């Protein structure tokens, strides 16, 4: 499976491709790099995102998950750069509950590109399982909106 790793402000990340689409983004570095044109394009987009120059990713994505989880992940992609939505807001769009949205968020196989960091609880920042957890989520939210009130 094609895969490349890159250094980022939120730690090393590895992007995986299958059948011409991005299928996973994981924290960490893999020793064996198997680049492709798509992965190089994804790397360039991620670099531009971290530099504050890219507001929306333009990549073919194929996350593996249930129909419900894929609906949640699509709703996350619809959250504009620099904005957040609550778990309840997403549940109102796709159905289910705030808890089921949170569970789908936690299983997002392509974080950053599918922006699960943009989902917050109604009374606090919520959780985040990527990178260093909440410090990573706070960093990403501040990158996108320096005026975001970090609760």
C-alpha atoms as a PDB file:
ATOM      1  CA  UNK A   1       0.000   0.000   0.000  1.00  0.00           C
ATOM      2  CA  UNK A   2       1.463   3.410  -0.905  1.00  0.00           C
ATOM      3  CA  UNK A   3       2.323   5.469   2.171  1.00  0.00           C
ATOM      4  CA  UNK A   4       4.430   8.490   3.022  1.00  0.00           C
ATOM      5  CA  UNK A   5       5.332  10.177   6.270  1.00  0.00           C
ATOM      6  CA  UNK A   6       5.938  13.833   6.949  1.00  0.00           C
ATOM      7  CA  UNK A   7       6.936  16.061   9.797  1.00  0.00           C
ATOM      8  CA  UNK A   8       4.194  18.477  10.863  1.00  0.00           C
ATOM      9  CA  UNK A   9       3.660  21.005  13.651  1.00  0.00           C
ATOM     10  CA  UNK A  10       1.444  18.432  15.400  1.00  0.00           C
ATOM     11  CA  UNK A  11       3.977  15.608  15.116  1.00  0.00           C
ATOM     12  CA  UNK A  12       4.953  13.088  12.497  1.00  0.00           C
ATOM     13  CA  UNK A  13       2.062  11.827  10.392  1.00  0.00           C
ATOM     14  CA  UNK A  14       1.717   9.117   7.770  1.00  0.00           C
ATOM     15  CA  UNK A  15      -0.764   9.159   4.905  1.00  0.00           C
ATOM     16  CA  UNK A  16      -1.960   5.941   3.246  1.00  0.00           C
ATOM     17  CA  UNK A  17      -3.451   5.463  -0.211  1.00  0.00           C
ATOM     18  CA  UNK A  18      -5.426   2.601  -1.696  1.00  0.00           C
ATOM     19  CA  UNK A  19      -6.942   2.403  -5.174  1.00  0.00           C
ATOM     20  CA  UNK A  20      -6.346   6.068  -5.926  1.00  0.00           C
ATOM     21  CA  UNK A  21      -7.806   7.522  -2.734  1.00  0.00           C
ATOM     22  CA  UNK A  22      -6.583   8.524   0.704  1.00  0.00           C
ATOM     23  CA  UNK A  23      -7.770   5.889   3.179  1.00  0.00           C
ATOM     24  CA  UNK A  24      -5.933   6.744   6.371  1.00  0.00           C
ATOM     25  CA  UNK A  25      -3.837   9.328   8.179  1.00  0.00           C
ATOM     26  CA  UNK A  26      -2.051   8.159  11.306  1.00  0.00           C
ATOM     27  CA  UNK A  27       0.227   9.837  13.798  1.00  0.00           C
ATOM     28  CA  UNK A  28       3.754   8.479  13.636  1.00  0.00           C
ATOM     29  CA  UNK A  29       6.444   7.698  11.082  1.00  0.00           C
ATOM     30  CA  UNK A  30       6.725   4.531   9.030  1.00  0.00           C
ATOM     31  CA  UNK A  31      10.223   3.403   8.054  1.00  0.00           C
ATOM     32  CA  UNK A  32       9.228   2.215   4.588  1.00  0.00           C
ATOM     33  CA  UNK A  33       8.073   5.048   2.331  1.00  0.00           C
ATOM     34  CA  UNK A  34       6.104   4.053  -0.779  1.00  0.00           C
ATOM     35  CA  UNK A  35       5.284   7.367  -2.462  1.00  0.00           C
ATOM     36  CA  UNK A  36       2.748   8.043  -5.194  1.00  0.00           C
ATOM     37  CA  UNK A  37       1.634  11.134  -7.093  1.00  0.00           C
ATOM     38  CA  UNK A  38      -1.515  11.342  -4.957  1.00  0.00           C
ATOM     39  CA  UNK A  39       0.429  11.083  -1.707  1.00  0.00           C
ATOM     40  CA  UNK A  40       2.855  13.789  -2.831  1.00  0.00           C
ATOM     41  CA  UNK A  41      -0.161  15.972  -3.670  1.00  0.00           C
ATOM     42  CA  UNK A  42      -1.624  15.237  -0.224  1.00  0.00           C
ATOM     43  CA  UNK A  43       1.711  16.126   1.400  1.00  0.00           C
ATOM     44  CA  UNK A  44       1.757  19.457  -0.467  1.00  0.00           C
ATOM     45  CA  UNK A  45      -1.805  20.193   0.660  1.00  0.00           C
ATOM     46  CA  UNK A  46      -1.025  19.330   4.277  1.00  0.00           C
ATOM     47  CA  UNK A  47       2.080  21.532   4.193  1.00  0.00           C
ATOM     48  CA  UNK A  48      -0.021  24.409   2.807  1.00  0.00           C
ATOM     49  CA  UNK A  49      -2.667  23.785   5.485  1.00  0.00           C
ATOM     50  CA  UNK A  50      -0.093  23.926   8.273  1.00  0.00           C
ATOM     51  CA  UNK A  51       1.335  27.103   6.738  1.00  0.00           C
ATOM     52  CA  UNK A  52      -2.146  28.668   6.938  1.00  0.00           C
ATOM     53  CA  UNK A  53      -2.431  28.855   3.158  1.00  0.00           C
ATOM     54  CA  UNK A  54      -4.972  26.069   2.466  1.00  0.00           C
ATOM     55  CA  UNK A  55      -8.553  26.379   3.677  1.00  0.00           C
ATOM     56  CA  UNK A  56     -10.063  23.263   2.059  1.00  0.00           C
ATOM     57  CA  UNK A  57      -8.513  19.965   1.026  1.00  0.00           C
ATOM     58  CA  UNK A  58      -9.074  18.709  -2.509  1.00  0.00           C
ATOM     59  CA  UNK A  59      -8.253  15.026  -2.259  1.00  0.00           C
ATOM     60  CA  UNK A  60     -10.103  11.821  -3.140  1.00  0.00           C
ATOM     61  CA  UNK A  61     -11.020  10.168   0.152  1.00  0.00           C
ATOM     62  CA  UNK A  62     -12.234   6.619   0.801  1.00  0.00           C
ATOM     63  CA  UNK A  63     -12.572   6.177   4.560  1.00  0.00           C
ATOM     64  CA  UNK A  64     -13.662   2.717   5.617  1.00  0.00           C
ATOM     65  CA  UNK A  65     -16.598   2.709   7.995  1.00  0.00           C
ATOM     66  CA  UNK A  66     -20.282   2.117   8.453  1.00  0.00           C
ATOM     67  CA  UNK A  67     -22.825   4.122   6.495  1.00  0.00           C
ATOM     68  CA  UNK A  68     -23.526   6.203   9.606  1.00  0.00           C
ATOM     69  CA  UNK A  69     -19.865   6.939  10.275  1.00  0.00           C
ATOM     70  CA  UNK A  70     -19.303   7.938   6.654  1.00  0.00           C
ATOM     71  CA  UNK A  71     -22.285  10.313   6.922  1.00  0.00           C
ATOM     72  CA  UNK A  72     -20.771  11.886  10.043  1.00  0.00           C
ATOM     73  CA  UNK A  73     -17.385  12.208   8.352  1.00  0.00           C
ATOM     74  CA  UNK A  74     -19.004  13.887   5.345  1.00  0.00           C
ATOM     75  CA  UNK A  75     -20.743  16.333   7.690  1.00  0.00           C
ATOM     76  CA  UNK A  76     -17.344  17.112   9.227  1.00  0.00           C
ATOM     77  CA  UNK A  77     -15.964  17.929   5.772  1.00  0.00           C
ATOM     78  CA  UNK A  78     -18.820  20.407   5.384  1.00  0.00           C
ATOM     79  CA  UNK A  79     -17.729  22.445   8.436  1.00  0.00           C
ATOM     80  CA  UNK A  80     -16.023  25.554   7.042  1.00  0.00           C
ATOM     81  CA  UNK A  81     -12.397  26.291   7.873  1.00  0.00           C
ATOM     82  CA  UNK A  82     -12.111  28.313  11.073  1.00  0.00           C
ATOM     83  CA  UNK A  83     -15.541  27.299  12.354  1.00  0.00           C
ATOM     84  CA  UNK A  84     -16.760  24.647  14.747  1.00  0.00           C
ATOM     85  CA  UNK A  85     -19.942  22.671  15.242  1.00  0.00           C
ATOM     86  CA  UNK A  86     -21.160  20.838  18.297  1.00  0.00           C
ATOM     87  CA  UNK A  87     -21.672  17.114  18.436  1.00  0.00           C
ATOM     88  CA  UNK A  88     -25.394  17.887  18.692  1.00  0.00           C
ATOM     89  CA  UNK A  89     -25.236  20.094  15.567  1.00  0.00           C
ATOM     90  CA  UNK A  90     -23.780  17.187  13.596  1.00  0.00           C
ATOM     91  CA  UNK A  91     -26.369  14.790  15.033  1.00  0.00           C
ATOM     92  CA  UNK A  92     -29.121  17.149  13.840  1.00  0.00           C
ATOM     93  CA  UNK A  93     -27.723  16.864  10.305  1.00  0.00           C
ATOM     94  CA  UNK A  94     -27.020  13.122  10.093  1.00  0.00           C
ATOM     95  CA  UNK A  95     -29.256  11.672  12.791  1.00  0.00           C
ATOM     96  CA  UNK A  96     -28.284   9.808  15.881  1.00  0.00           C
ATOM     97  CA  UNK A  97     -27.134  11.427  19.086  1.00  0.00           C
ATOM     98  CA  UNK A  98     -24.267  13.610  20.206  1.00  0.00           C
ATOM     99  CA  UNK A  99     -22.738  10.471  21.697  1.00  0.00           C
ATOM    100  CA  UNK A 100     -22.941   8.522  18.427  1.00  0.00           C
ATOM    101  CA  UNK A 101     -21.360  11.478  16.601  1.00  0.00           C
ATOM    102  CA  UNK A 102     -18.561  11.487  19.192  1.00  0.00           C
ATOM    103  CA  UNK A 103     -17.993   7.777  18.643  1.00  0.00           C
ATOM    104  CA  UNK A 104     -17.865   8.260  14.869  1.00  0.00           C
ATOM    105  CA  UNK A 105     -15.453  11.167  15.377  1.00  0.00           C
ATOM    106  CA  UNK A 106     -13.200   8.941  17.455  1.00  0.00           C
ATOM    107  CA  UNK A 107     -13.073   6.402  14.620  1.00  0.00           C
ATOM    108  CA  UNK A 108     -12.248   8.941  11.890  1.00  0.00           C
ATOM    109  CA  UNK A 109      -9.500   7.241   9.861  1.00  0.00           C
ATOM    110  CA  UNK A 110      -8.387  10.454   8.115  1.00  0.00           C
ATOM    111  CA  UNK A 111      -8.061  13.146  10.816  1.00  0.00           C
ATOM    112  CA  UNK A 112      -6.936  16.635   9.817  1.00  0.00           C
ATOM    113  CA  UNK A 113      -8.225  16.121   6.258  1.00  0.00           C
ATOM    114  CA  UNK A 114     -11.613  15.046   7.621  1.00  0.00           C
ATOM    115  CA  UNK A 115     -11.633  17.783  10.274  1.00  0.00           C
ATOM    116  CA  UNK A 116     -12.910  16.047  13.399  1.00  0.00           C
ATOM    117  CA  UNK A 117     -11.025  18.670  15.438  1.00  0.00           C
ATOM    118  CA  UNK A 118     -13.759  21.167  14.422  1.00  0.00           C
ATOM    119  CA  UNK A 119     -16.355  19.374  16.539  1.00  0.00           C
ATOM    120  CA  UNK A 120     -16.705  20.597  20.115  1.00  0.00           C
ATOM    121  CA  UNK A 121     -19.037  19.866  22.989  1.00  0.00           C
ATOM    122  CA  UNK A 122     -21.743  22.408  23.743  1.00  0.00           C
ATOM    123  CA  UNK A 123     -20.101  23.487  27.015  1.00  0.00           C
ATOM    124  CA  UNK A 124     -16.370  22.764  26.461  1.00  0.00           C
ATOM    125  CA  UNK A 125     -13.819  21.825  23.831  1.00  0.00           C
ATOM    126  CA  UNK A 126     -14.678  18.113  23.864  1.00  0.00           C
ATOM    127  CA  UNK A 127     -12.156  15.358  23.305  1.00  0.00           C
ATOM    128  CA  UNK A 128      -9.521  14.539  20.734  1.00  0.00           C
ATOM    129  CA  UNK A 129      -7.624  11.306  20.255  1.00  0.00           C
ATOM    130  CA  UNK A 130      -5.083  12.414  17.647  1.00  0.00           C
ATOM    131  CA  UNK A 131      -1.546  13.553  18.234  1.00  0.00           C
ATOM    132  CA  UNK A 132      -1.119  14.743  21.800  1.00  0.00           C
ATOM    133  CA  UNK A 133      -4.883  14.860  22.391  1.00  0.00           C
ATOM    134  CA  UNK A 134      -6.395  18.158  23.495  1.00  0.00           C
ATOM    135  CA  UNK A 135      -3.216  20.227  22.977  1.00  0.00           C
ATOM    136  CA  UNK A 136      -3.269  19.097  19.338  1.00  0.00           C
ATOM    137  CA  UNK A 137      -6.958  19.982  18.990  1.00  0.00           C
ATOM    138  CA  UNK A 138      -6.355  23.415  20.528  1.00  0.00           C
ATOM    139  CA  UNK A 139      -3.409  24.017  18.204  1.00  0.00           C
ATOM    140  CA  UNK A 140      -5.454  23.083  15.109  1.00  0.00           C
ATOM    141  CA  UNK A 141      -8.404  25.267  16.153  1.00  0.00           C
ATOM    142  CA  UNK A 142      -6.060  28.207  16.827  1.00  0.00           C
ATOM    143  CA  UNK A 143      -4.368  27.690  13.447  1.00  0.00           C
ATOM    144  CA  UNK A 144      -7.703  27.963  11.696  1.00  0.00           C
ATOM    145  CA  UNK A 145      -9.125  30.751  13.867  1.00  0.00           C
ATOM    146  CA  UNK A 146      -6.753  32.671  16.124  1.00  0.00           C
ATOM    147  CA  UNK A 147      -9.787  34.291  17.777  1.00  0.00           C
ATOM    148  CA  UNK A 148     -11.345  30.972  18.782  1.00  0.00           C
ATOM    149  CA  UNK A 149     -12.131  30.958  22.495  1.00  0.00           C
ATOM    150  CA  UNK A 150     -10.306  27.875  23.729  1.00  0.00           C
ATOM    151  CA  UNK A 151     -12.526  26.443  26.415  1.00  0.00           C
END
